[in-house]
Amino acid sequence: MSDPLDLKKYVRTVEDFPIPGIQFKDITSLIETPEAFVKTCNELTRVSAEFNSTLVASIESRGFIFAGSIAHDLALPFVLARKPGKLPNETFQKSFDLEYGSTSIEIQKNTQITEDERVVIVDDLVATGGTAIACAELLTENFDVKESNILILGIIDLPDLGGSKLMKDRGYNIETLISY
């Protein structure tokens, strides 16, 4: 599968985590290796700049690591999409299913997002797509951001789980650095 930046060697597969049957893609080695981390952050920033991003949104928690770097490098606002009860102000909430359960994410209602934004949603991994699509729908349904103005950006894509195809079918842009 695809690995143009030679990053796969920094990703470990952990069997049966967090539940039996899941093959968890662990990016801690990538983050702990400065060369790989810098290469990853630089590429994500490049892709975000090419998309003409005006705002970076990220999903709790591993996405925050990379989104902060992009927002810093491009001097863009950084919006947090968090688990319920973690944000101090009133929120918009979206529930979704994961490959091993269901949950929801929230964005604060007082967040300054306009309908003309070009938003990069950053997460570490695209599996079934539930988390990133929920974040995108928070933006489209509550802030009127157009689907075509959203780029879902991840480190890893697991295309056999169907998330990247589902995102494209719903009109979102998607890019990842590694595909398994």
N, C-alpha and C. Protein backbone atom coordinates (compact mmCIF):
# COMPACT_ATOMS: atom_id res chain seq x y z
N MET A 1 0.83 -1.19 0.00
CA MET A 1 0.00 0.00 0.00
C MET A 1 0.87 1.26 0.00
N SER A 2 0.25 2.40 0.04
CA SER A 2 0.92 3.67 -0.15
C SER A 2 1.68 4.15 1.10
N ASP A 3 2.92 4.60 0.87
CA ASP A 3 3.75 5.16 1.94
C ASP A 3 4.86 6.01 1.32
N PRO A 4 4.49 7.10 0.59
CA PRO A 4 5.49 7.87 -0.15
C PRO A 4 6.55 8.55 0.72
N LEU A 5 6.25 8.79 2.00
CA LEU A 5 7.23 9.45 2.87
C LEU A 5 8.02 8.46 3.73
N ASP A 6 7.82 7.16 3.49
CA ASP A 6 8.52 6.12 4.24
C ASP A 6 8.29 6.23 5.75
N LEU A 7 7.00 6.35 6.13
CA LEU A 7 6.64 6.51 7.54
C LEU A 7 6.10 5.23 8.19
N LYS A 8 5.72 4.24 7.39
CA LYS A 8 5.11 3.03 7.96
C LYS A 8 6.01 2.35 8.99
N LYS A 9 7.29 2.43 8.79
CA LYS A 9 8.20 1.76 9.72
C LYS A 9 8.12 2.34 11.13
N TYR A 10 7.49 3.51 11.28
CA TYR A 10 7.34 4.13 12.59
C TYR A 10 5.96 3.86 13.22
N VAL A 11 5.14 3.06 12.54
CA VAL A 11 3.80 2.75 13.03
C VAL A 11 3.76 1.28 13.42
N ARG A 12 3.39 1.02 14.67
CA ARG A 12 3.28 -0.36 15.15
C ARG A 12 1.83 -0.80 15.10
N THR A 13 1.62 -2.08 14.83
CA THR A 13 0.28 -2.66 14.91
C THR A 13 0.19 -3.41 16.23
N VAL A 14 -0.82 -3.06 17.03
CA VAL A 14 -1.04 -3.70 18.32
C VAL A 14 -2.32 -4.52 18.20
N GLU A 15 -2.17 -5.83 18.32
CA GLU A 15 -3.31 -6.75 18.20
C GLU A 15 -4.25 -6.64 19.40
N ASP A 16 -5.54 -6.74 19.11
CA ASP A 16 -6.58 -6.82 20.15
C ASP A 16 -6.60 -5.62 21.09
N PHE A 17 -6.38 -4.41 20.55
CA PHE A 17 -6.48 -3.20 21.35
C PHE A 17 -7.35 -2.19 20.62
N PRO A 18 -8.31 -1.58 21.26
CA PRO A 18 -8.66 -1.64 22.68
C PRO A 18 -9.58 -2.81 23.04
N ILE A 19 -10.04 -3.54 22.02
CA ILE A 19 -10.87 -4.73 22.28
C ILE A 19 -10.41 -5.84 21.36
N PRO A 20 -10.75 -7.09 21.66
CA PRO A 20 -10.37 -8.21 20.80
C PRO A 20 -10.85 -8.01 19.36
N GLY A 21 -9.97 -8.33 18.42
CA GLY A 21 -10.29 -8.24 17.01
C GLY A 21 -9.83 -6.96 16.33
N ILE A 22 -9.48 -5.94 17.11
CA ILE A 22 -9.01 -4.67 16.54
C ILE A 22 -7.50 -4.72 16.41
N GLN A 23 -7.00 -4.30 15.23
CA GLN A 23 -5.57 -4.15 15.01
C GLN A 23 -5.25 -2.66 15.06
N PHE A 24 -4.87 -2.20 16.24
CA PHE A 24 -4.65 -0.78 16.51
C PHE A 24 -3.36 -0.31 15.87
N LYS A 25 -3.43 0.78 15.12
CA LYS A 25 -2.24 1.38 14.52
C LYS A 25 -1.70 2.42 15.49
N ASP A 26 -0.57 2.13 16.10
CA ASP A 26 0.04 2.93 17.15
C ASP A 26 1.07 3.89 16.55
N ILE A 27 0.78 5.20 16.64
CA ILE A 27 1.68 6.21 16.06
C ILE A 27 2.67 6.78 17.08
N THR A 28 2.74 6.20 18.27
CA THR A 28 3.65 6.78 19.27
C THR A 28 5.10 6.71 18.81
N SER A 29 5.51 5.68 18.10
CA SER A 29 6.89 5.62 17.60
C SER A 29 7.16 6.74 16.60
N LEU A 30 6.17 7.07 15.79
CA LEU A 30 6.33 8.15 14.83
C LEU A 30 6.52 9.47 15.57
N ILE A 31 5.72 9.70 16.59
CA ILE A 31 5.81 10.93 17.37
C ILE A 31 7.13 11.00 18.15
N GLU A 32 7.60 9.86 18.62
CA GLU A 32 8.82 9.81 19.43
C GLU A 32 10.10 9.89 18.60
N THR A 33 9.98 9.82 17.28
CA THR A 33 11.14 9.88 16.39
C THR A 33 11.16 11.24 15.71
N PRO A 34 12.04 12.14 16.13
CA PRO A 34 12.01 13.51 15.60
C PRO A 34 11.99 13.60 14.07
N GLU A 35 12.82 12.81 13.40
CA GLU A 35 12.86 12.87 11.94
C GLU A 35 11.49 12.55 11.34
N ALA A 36 10.85 11.50 11.83
CA ALA A 36 9.54 11.10 11.31
C ALA A 36 8.46 12.11 11.69
N PHE A 37 8.50 12.62 12.91
CA PHE A 37 7.51 13.57 13.36
C PHE A 37 7.59 14.87 12.56
N VAL A 38 8.80 15.38 12.38
CA VAL A 38 8.98 16.62 11.61
C VAL A 38 8.54 16.41 10.17
N LYS A 39 8.91 15.30 9.56
CA LYS A 39 8.52 15.00 8.19
C LYS A 39 6.99 14.96 8.07
N THR A 40 6.33 14.32 9.03
CA THR A 40 4.88 14.22 9.03
C THR A 40 4.24 15.60 9.17
N CYS A 41 4.69 16.36 10.15
CA CYS A 41 4.12 17.70 10.37
C CYS A 41 4.34 18.60 9.17
N ASN A 42 5.52 18.56 8.57
CA ASN A 42 5.80 19.38 7.39
C ASN A 42 4.88 19.02 6.23
N GLU A 43 4.65 17.75 6.03
CA GLU A 43 3.79 17.32 4.92
C GLU A 43 2.33 17.72 5.18
N LEU A 44 1.86 17.56 6.40
CA LEU A 44 0.49 17.96 6.72
C LEU A 44 0.31 19.46 6.55
N THR A 45 1.31 20.24 6.92
CA THR A 45 1.27 21.69 6.72
C THR A 45 1.26 22.03 5.24
N ARG A 46 2.07 21.34 4.45
CA ARG A 46 2.11 21.58 3.00
C ARG A 46 0.74 21.33 2.38
N VAL A 47 0.13 20.19 2.72
CA VAL A 47 -1.19 19.84 2.17
C VAL A 47 -2.24 20.86 2.60
N SER A 48 -2.18 21.29 3.84
CA SER A 48 -3.14 22.29 4.35
C SER A 48 -2.98 23.62 3.63
N ALA A 49 -1.74 24.02 3.38
CA ALA A 49 -1.48 25.27 2.67
C ALA A 49 -2.00 25.18 1.24
N GLU A 50 -1.78 24.05 0.57
CA GLU A 50 -2.26 23.86 -0.80
C GLU A 50 -3.79 23.91 -0.87
N PHE A 51 -4.47 23.52 0.20
CA PHE A 51 -5.93 23.56 0.26
C PHE A 51 -6.43 24.98 0.53
N ASN A 52 -5.52 25.90 0.79
CA ASN A 52 -5.85 27.28 1.14
C ASN A 52 -6.71 27.34 2.40
N SER A 53 -6.30 26.58 3.38
CA SER A 53 -7.03 26.49 4.65
C SER A 53 -7.09 27.85 5.34
N THR A 54 -8.24 28.09 5.98
CA THR A 54 -8.39 29.29 6.80
C THR A 54 -8.59 28.95 8.27
N LEU A 55 -8.76 27.65 8.54
CA LEU A 55 -9.03 27.20 9.91
C LEU A 55 -8.65 25.73 10.03
N VAL A 56 -8.11 25.35 11.18
CA VAL A 56 -7.76 23.96 11.47
C VAL A 56 -8.68 23.49 12.60
N ALA A 57 -9.33 22.36 12.38
CA ALA A 57 -10.13 21.72 13.43
C ALA A 57 -9.51 20.36 13.69
N SER A 58 -9.60 19.90 14.92
CA SER A 58 -9.02 18.60 15.20
C SER A 58 -9.84 17.84 16.21
N ILE A 59 -9.71 16.53 16.10
CA ILE A 59 -10.46 15.59 16.90
C ILE A 59 -9.57 15.07 18.02
N GLU A 60 -10.17 15.01 19.20
CA GLU A 60 -9.48 14.52 20.39
C GLU A 60 -9.02 13.08 20.20
N SER A 61 -7.87 12.70 20.54
CA SER A 61 -6.81 13.47 21.12
C SER A 61 -5.55 13.45 20.25
N ARG A 62 -5.28 12.35 19.54
CA ARG A 62 -4.04 12.30 18.76
C ARG A 62 -4.02 13.31 17.62
N GLY A 63 -5.16 13.66 17.09
CA GLY A 63 -5.20 14.68 16.05
C GLY A 63 -4.68 16.02 16.53
N PHE A 64 -4.85 16.31 17.84
CA PHE A 64 -4.38 17.58 18.39
C PHE A 64 -2.88 17.76 18.20
N ILE A 65 -2.15 16.68 18.29
CA ILE A 65 -0.68 16.74 18.19
C ILE A 65 -0.27 17.35 16.85
N PHE A 66 -0.92 16.91 15.80
CA PHE A 66 -0.56 17.35 14.45
C PHE A 66 -1.25 18.66 14.09
N ALA A 67 -2.48 18.85 14.52
CA ALA A 67 -3.23 20.06 14.19
C ALA A 67 -2.57 21.30 14.79
N GLY A 68 -2.05 21.16 16.00
CA GLY A 68 -1.36 22.29 16.62
C GLY A 68 -0.17 22.75 15.79
N SER A 69 0.54 21.80 15.24
CA SER A 69 1.69 22.13 14.40
C SER A 69 1.25 22.85 13.13
N ILE A 70 0.20 22.37 12.49
CA ILE A 70 -0.31 23.00 11.27
C ILE A 70 -0.78 24.42 11.57
N ALA A 71 -1.60 24.56 12.62
CA ALA A 71 -2.13 25.88 12.97
C ALA A 71 -0.99 26.86 13.28
N HIS A 72 0.02 26.38 13.98
CA HIS A 72 1.18 27.22 14.29
C HIS A 72 1.91 27.63 13.02
N ASP A 73 2.24 26.65 12.18
CA ASP A 73 3.02 26.94 10.98
C ASP A 73 2.31 27.87 10.01
N LEU A 74 0.98 27.76 9.92
CA LEU A 74 0.22 28.58 8.97
C LEU A 74 -0.48 29.77 9.64
N ALA A 75 -0.27 29.92 10.96
CA ALA A 75 -0.89 31.01 11.74
C ALA A 75 -2.40 31.04 11.52
N LEU A 76 -3.05 29.87 11.74
CA LEU A 76 -4.49 29.73 11.57
C LEU A 76 -5.18 29.45 12.89
N PRO A 77 -6.46 29.81 13.00
CA PRO A 77 -7.23 29.43 14.18
C PRO A 77 -7.28 27.91 14.31
N PHE A 78 -7.31 27.44 15.55
CA PHE A 78 -7.33 26.00 15.84
C PHE A 78 -8.56 25.72 16.71
N VAL A 79 -9.50 24.94 16.16
CA VAL A 79 -10.75 24.62 16.82
C VAL A 79 -10.70 23.19 17.34
N LEU A 80 -11.10 23.01 18.60
CA LEU A 80 -11.09 21.68 19.21
C LEU A 80 -12.44 21.00 19.07
N ALA A 81 -12.43 19.75 18.63
CA ALA A 81 -13.60 18.87 18.65
C ALA A 81 -13.32 17.86 19.75
N ARG A 82 -14.10 17.94 20.84
CA ARG A 82 -13.77 17.15 22.03
C ARG A 82 -14.89 16.21 22.44
N LYS A 83 -14.53 15.29 23.31
CA LYS A 83 -15.50 14.38 23.90
C LYS A 83 -16.47 15.18 24.77
N PRO A 84 -17.67 14.65 25.00
CA PRO A 84 -18.67 15.39 25.79
C PRO A 84 -18.16 15.78 27.17
N GLY A 85 -18.54 17.01 27.57
CA GLY A 85 -18.22 17.49 28.91
C GLY A 85 -16.82 18.06 29.08
N LYS A 86 -16.04 18.15 28.02
CA LYS A 86 -14.65 18.63 28.13
C LYS A 86 -14.49 20.11 27.79
N LEU A 87 -15.51 20.71 27.18
CA LEU A 87 -15.43 22.11 26.80
C LEU A 87 -16.26 22.96 27.77
N PRO A 88 -15.79 24.17 28.11
CA PRO A 88 -16.42 24.94 29.17
C PRO A 88 -17.69 25.70 28.77
N ASN A 89 -17.93 25.92 27.48
CA ASN A 89 -19.08 26.71 27.04
C ASN A 89 -20.13 25.80 26.42
N GLU A 90 -21.29 26.37 26.06
CA GLU A 90 -22.33 25.60 25.38
C GLU A 90 -21.76 25.04 24.09
N THR A 91 -22.20 23.84 23.75
CA THR A 91 -21.64 23.16 22.58
C THR A 91 -22.72 22.66 21.63
N PHE A 92 -22.29 22.45 20.39
CA PHE A 92 -23.03 21.64 19.43
C PHE A 92 -22.47 20.23 19.59
N GLN A 93 -23.33 19.23 19.53
CA GLN A 93 -22.89 17.85 19.74
C GLN A 93 -23.34 16.98 18.58
N LYS A 94 -22.49 16.01 18.21
CA LYS A 94 -22.82 15.06 17.16
C LYS A 94 -22.43 13.66 17.63
N SER A 95 -23.39 12.74 17.60
CA SER A 95 -23.12 11.35 17.96
C SER A 95 -22.74 10.56 16.72
N PHE A 96 -21.96 9.51 16.92
CA PHE A 96 -21.51 8.69 15.79
C PHE A 96 -21.07 7.33 16.30
N ASP A 97 -20.95 6.39 15.35
CA ASP A 97 -20.49 5.04 15.67
C ASP A 97 -19.02 4.89 15.31
N LEU A 98 -18.32 4.13 16.11
CA LEU A 98 -16.94 3.73 15.86
C LEU A 98 -16.93 2.27 15.43
N GLU A 99 -15.77 1.78 15.06
CA GLU A 99 -15.67 0.36 14.70
C GLU A 99 -15.86 -0.55 15.91
N TYR A 100 -15.82 0.02 17.13
CA TYR A 100 -15.99 -0.79 18.34
C TYR A 100 -16.85 -0.10 19.39
N GLY A 101 -17.85 0.69 18.97
CA GLY A 101 -18.76 1.32 19.91
C GLY A 101 -19.35 2.60 19.35
N SER A 102 -19.88 3.45 20.21
CA SER A 102 -20.41 4.73 19.76
C SER A 102 -20.07 5.80 20.81
N THR A 103 -20.06 7.04 20.37
CA THR A 103 -19.74 8.18 21.23
C THR A 103 -20.23 9.45 20.56
N SER A 104 -19.76 10.59 21.02
CA SER A 104 -20.08 11.85 20.37
C SER A 104 -18.93 12.83 20.57
N ILE A 105 -18.96 13.88 19.76
CA ILE A 105 -17.97 14.96 19.90
C ILE A 105 -18.72 16.28 19.92
N GLU A 106 -18.01 17.31 20.41
CA GLU A 106 -18.62 18.63 20.57
C GLU A 106 -17.67 19.72 20.11
N ILE A 107 -18.27 20.81 19.61
CA ILE A 107 -17.56 22.05 19.31
C ILE A 107 -18.34 23.15 19.99
N GLN A 108 -17.64 24.10 20.58
CA GLN A 108 -18.29 25.18 21.30
C GLN A 108 -19.12 26.06 20.35
N LYS A 109 -20.29 26.45 20.81
CA LYS A 109 -21.18 27.29 20.00
C LYS A 109 -20.60 28.68 19.77
N ASN A 110 -19.77 29.16 20.68
CA ASN A 110 -19.21 30.50 20.54
C ASN A 110 -17.96 30.54 19.66
N THR A 111 -17.62 29.44 19.04
CA THR A 111 -16.46 29.39 18.14
C THR A 111 -16.74 30.22 16.90
N GLN A 112 -15.77 31.01 16.50
CA GLN A 112 -15.92 31.89 15.34
C GLN A 112 -15.59 31.14 14.06
N ILE A 113 -16.63 30.62 13.42
CA ILE A 113 -16.49 29.90 12.15
C ILE A 113 -17.53 30.47 11.20
N THR A 114 -17.10 30.88 10.01
CA THR A 114 -18.03 31.41 9.02
C THR A 114 -18.26 30.39 7.91
N GLU A 115 -19.30 30.60 7.14
CA GLU A 115 -19.65 29.66 6.07
C GLU A 115 -18.60 29.62 4.95
N ASP A 116 -17.77 30.65 4.87
CA ASP A 116 -16.75 30.71 3.82
C ASP A 116 -15.42 30.08 4.20
N GLU A 117 -15.32 29.54 5.42
CA GLU A 117 -14.07 28.94 5.87
C GLU A 117 -13.67 27.77 4.97
N ARG A 118 -12.38 27.56 4.87
CA ARG A 118 -11.80 26.35 4.26
C ARG A 118 -11.13 25.62 5.41
N VAL A 119 -11.77 24.54 5.85
CA VAL A 119 -11.40 23.88 7.10
C VAL A 119 -10.66 22.58 6.84
N VAL A 120 -9.54 22.43 7.51
CA VAL A 120 -8.83 21.16 7.54
C VAL A 120 -9.18 20.50 8.87
N ILE A 121 -9.75 19.29 8.79
CA ILE A 121 -10.03 18.49 9.99
C ILE A 121 -8.91 17.47 10.11
N VAL A 122 -8.19 17.50 11.21
CA VAL A 122 -7.01 16.65 11.38
C VAL A 122 -7.31 15.55 12.39
N ASP A 123 -7.01 14.32 11.99
CA ASP A 123 -7.07 13.17 12.89
C ASP A 123 -5.91 12.26 12.53
N ASP A 124 -5.59 11.35 13.42
CA ASP A 124 -4.46 10.47 13.15
C ASP A 124 -4.80 9.35 12.18
N LEU A 125 -6.06 8.89 12.18
CA LEU A 125 -6.39 7.68 11.44
C LEU A 125 -7.80 7.75 10.88
N VAL A 126 -7.96 7.28 9.64
CA VAL A 126 -9.27 7.14 9.03
C VAL A 126 -9.57 5.65 8.96
N ALA A 127 -10.60 5.23 9.70
CA ALA A 127 -11.03 3.83 9.69
C ALA A 127 -12.43 3.77 9.04
N THR A 128 -13.47 3.75 9.86
CA THR A 128 -14.83 3.74 9.32
C THR A 128 -15.31 5.13 8.96
N GLY A 129 -14.59 6.14 9.40
CA GLY A 129 -14.92 7.52 9.06
C GLY A 129 -15.87 8.22 10.00
N GLY A 130 -16.38 7.51 10.99
CA GLY A 130 -17.39 8.08 11.87
C GLY A 130 -16.97 9.34 12.58
N THR A 131 -15.77 9.36 13.13
CA THR A 131 -15.31 10.51 13.90
C THR A 131 -15.13 11.74 13.02
N ALA A 132 -14.43 11.60 11.93
CA ALA A 132 -14.18 12.74 11.05
C ALA A 132 -15.45 13.24 10.40
N ILE A 133 -16.33 12.34 9.99
CA ILE A 133 -17.60 12.76 9.40
C ILE A 133 -18.45 13.50 10.43
N ALA A 134 -18.46 13.02 11.68
CA ALA A 134 -19.20 13.72 12.73
C ALA A 134 -18.66 15.14 12.91
N CYS A 135 -17.36 15.30 12.90
CA CYS A 135 -16.75 16.62 13.02
C CYS A 135 -17.13 17.49 11.83
N ALA A 136 -17.04 16.92 10.63
CA ALA A 136 -17.42 17.67 9.42
C ALA A 136 -18.88 18.08 9.48
N GLU A 137 -19.74 17.18 9.93
CA GLU A 137 -21.17 17.50 10.02
C GLU A 137 -21.45 18.57 11.08
N LEU A 138 -20.68 18.59 12.15
CA LEU A 138 -20.81 19.69 13.11
C LEU A 138 -20.57 21.03 12.41
N LEU A 139 -19.60 21.06 11.53
CA LEU A 139 -19.26 22.28 10.80
C LEU A 139 -20.30 22.63 9.74
N THR A 140 -20.77 21.64 8.99
CA THR A 140 -21.75 21.92 7.93
C THR A 140 -23.12 22.23 8.50
N GLU A 141 -23.55 21.53 9.52
CA GLU A 141 -24.89 21.69 10.07
C GLU A 141 -25.03 22.91 10.98
N ASN A 142 -23.97 23.29 11.67
CA ASN A 142 -24.07 24.35 12.66
C ASN A 142 -23.38 25.66 12.28
N PHE A 143 -22.43 25.58 11.35
CA PHE A 143 -21.71 26.78 10.94
C PHE A 143 -21.83 27.03 9.43
N ASP A 144 -22.59 26.18 8.73
CA ASP A 144 -22.87 26.33 7.29
C ASP A 144 -21.63 26.25 6.40
N VAL A 145 -20.59 25.57 6.84
CA VAL A 145 -19.41 25.35 6.01
C VAL A 145 -19.79 24.34 4.92
N LYS A 146 -19.42 24.63 3.69
CA LYS A 146 -19.73 23.73 2.57
C LYS A 146 -18.86 22.47 2.65
N GLU A 147 -19.43 21.33 2.27
CA GLU A 147 -18.68 20.07 2.24
C GLU A 147 -17.41 20.19 1.42
N SER A 148 -17.51 20.88 0.28
CA SER A 148 -16.34 21.01 -0.61
C SER A 148 -15.24 21.88 -0.01
N ASN A 149 -15.55 22.61 1.06
CA ASN A 149 -14.56 23.45 1.74
C ASN A 149 -13.97 22.76 2.97
N ILE A 150 -14.17 21.46 3.05
CA ILE A 150 -13.62 20.69 4.16
C ILE A 150 -12.65 19.66 3.62
N LEU A 151 -11.46 19.63 4.19
CA LEU A 151 -10.45 18.62 3.89
C LEU A 151 -10.22 17.80 5.15
N ILE A 152 -10.48 16.51 5.08
CA ILE A 152 -10.18 15.61 6.19
C ILE A 152 -8.77 15.09 5.94
N LEU A 153 -7.90 15.35 6.89
CA LEU A 153 -6.48 15.09 6.73
C LEU A 153 -6.02 14.15 7.84
N GLY A 154 -5.45 13.01 7.45
CA GLY A 154 -5.01 12.03 8.42
C GLY A 154 -3.63 11.50 8.13
N ILE A 155 -3.07 10.84 9.12
CA ILE A 155 -1.78 10.19 8.93
C ILE A 155 -1.99 8.85 8.23
N ILE A 156 -2.95 8.07 8.72
CA ILE A 156 -3.16 6.69 8.26
C ILE A 156 -4.56 6.53 7.70
N ASP A 157 -4.67 5.81 6.58
CA ASP A 157 -5.95 5.41 6.02
C ASP A 157 -6.02 3.89 6.02
N LEU A 158 -7.14 3.37 6.50
CA LEU A 158 -7.44 1.94 6.42
C LEU A 158 -8.60 1.79 5.44
N PRO A 159 -8.32 1.84 4.14
CA PRO A 159 -9.39 1.91 3.14
C PRO A 159 -10.34 0.71 3.15
N ASP A 160 -9.88 -0.44 3.59
CA ASP A 160 -10.76 -1.62 3.64
C ASP A 160 -11.92 -1.44 4.61
N LEU A 161 -11.81 -0.48 5.54
CA LEU A 161 -12.90 -0.22 6.49
C LEU A 161 -13.92 0.78 5.95
N GLY A 162 -13.63 1.37 4.78
CA GLY A 162 -14.62 2.15 4.05
C GLY A 162 -14.77 3.61 4.41
N GLY A 163 -14.04 4.10 5.38
CA GLY A 163 -14.21 5.48 5.81
C GLY A 163 -13.83 6.51 4.76
N SER A 164 -12.71 6.32 4.10
CA SER A 164 -12.27 7.32 3.11
C SER A 164 -13.24 7.38 1.93
N LYS A 165 -13.76 6.25 1.51
CA LYS A 165 -14.75 6.24 0.42
C LYS A 165 -16.03 6.94 0.86
N LEU A 166 -16.47 6.67 2.06
CA LEU A 166 -17.68 7.30 2.59
C LEU A 166 -17.53 8.83 2.65
N MET A 167 -16.35 9.29 3.06
CA MET A 167 -16.10 10.72 3.13
C MET A 167 -16.18 11.35 1.74
N LYS A 168 -15.53 10.72 0.77
CA LYS A 168 -15.57 11.22 -0.61
C LYS A 168 -16.99 11.22 -1.14
N ASP A 169 -17.73 10.13 -0.87
CA ASP A 169 -19.12 10.04 -1.34
C ASP A 169 -20.00 11.14 -0.76
N ARG A 170 -19.65 11.63 0.43
CA ARG A 170 -20.42 12.71 1.07
C ARG A 170 -19.95 14.10 0.67
N GLY A 171 -18.97 14.16 -0.23
CA GLY A 171 -18.53 15.44 -0.77
C GLY A 171 -17.36 16.09 -0.07
N TYR A 172 -16.74 15.38 0.86
CA TYR A 172 -15.58 15.92 1.57
C TYR A 172 -14.30 15.56 0.82
N ASN A 173 -13.30 16.41 0.94
CA ASN A 173 -11.97 16.11 0.44
C ASN A 173 -11.26 15.30 1.51
N ILE A 174 -10.40 14.40 1.10
CA ILE A 174 -9.63 13.60 2.07
C ILE A 174 -8.23 13.35 1.53
N GLU A 175 -7.27 13.46 2.43
CA GLU A 175 -5.89 13.11 2.13
C GLU A 175 -5.28 12.45 3.34
N THR A 176 -4.49 11.40 3.09
CA THR A 176 -3.74 10.73 4.15
C THR A 176 -2.32 10.48 3.67
N LEU A 177 -1.42 10.22 4.61
CA LEU A 177 -0.02 10.04 4.26
C LEU A 177 0.36 8.58 4.07
N ILE A 178 -0.34 7.69 4.78
CA ILE A 178 -0.04 6.26 4.73
C ILE A 178 -1.34 5.51 4.50
N SER A 179 -1.29 4.51 3.63
CA SER A 179 -2.46 3.68 3.39
C SER A 179 -2.07 2.22 3.60
N TYR A 180 -2.91 1.48 4.35
CA TYR A 180 -2.65 0.07 4.61
C TYR A 180 -3.57 -0.81 3.77
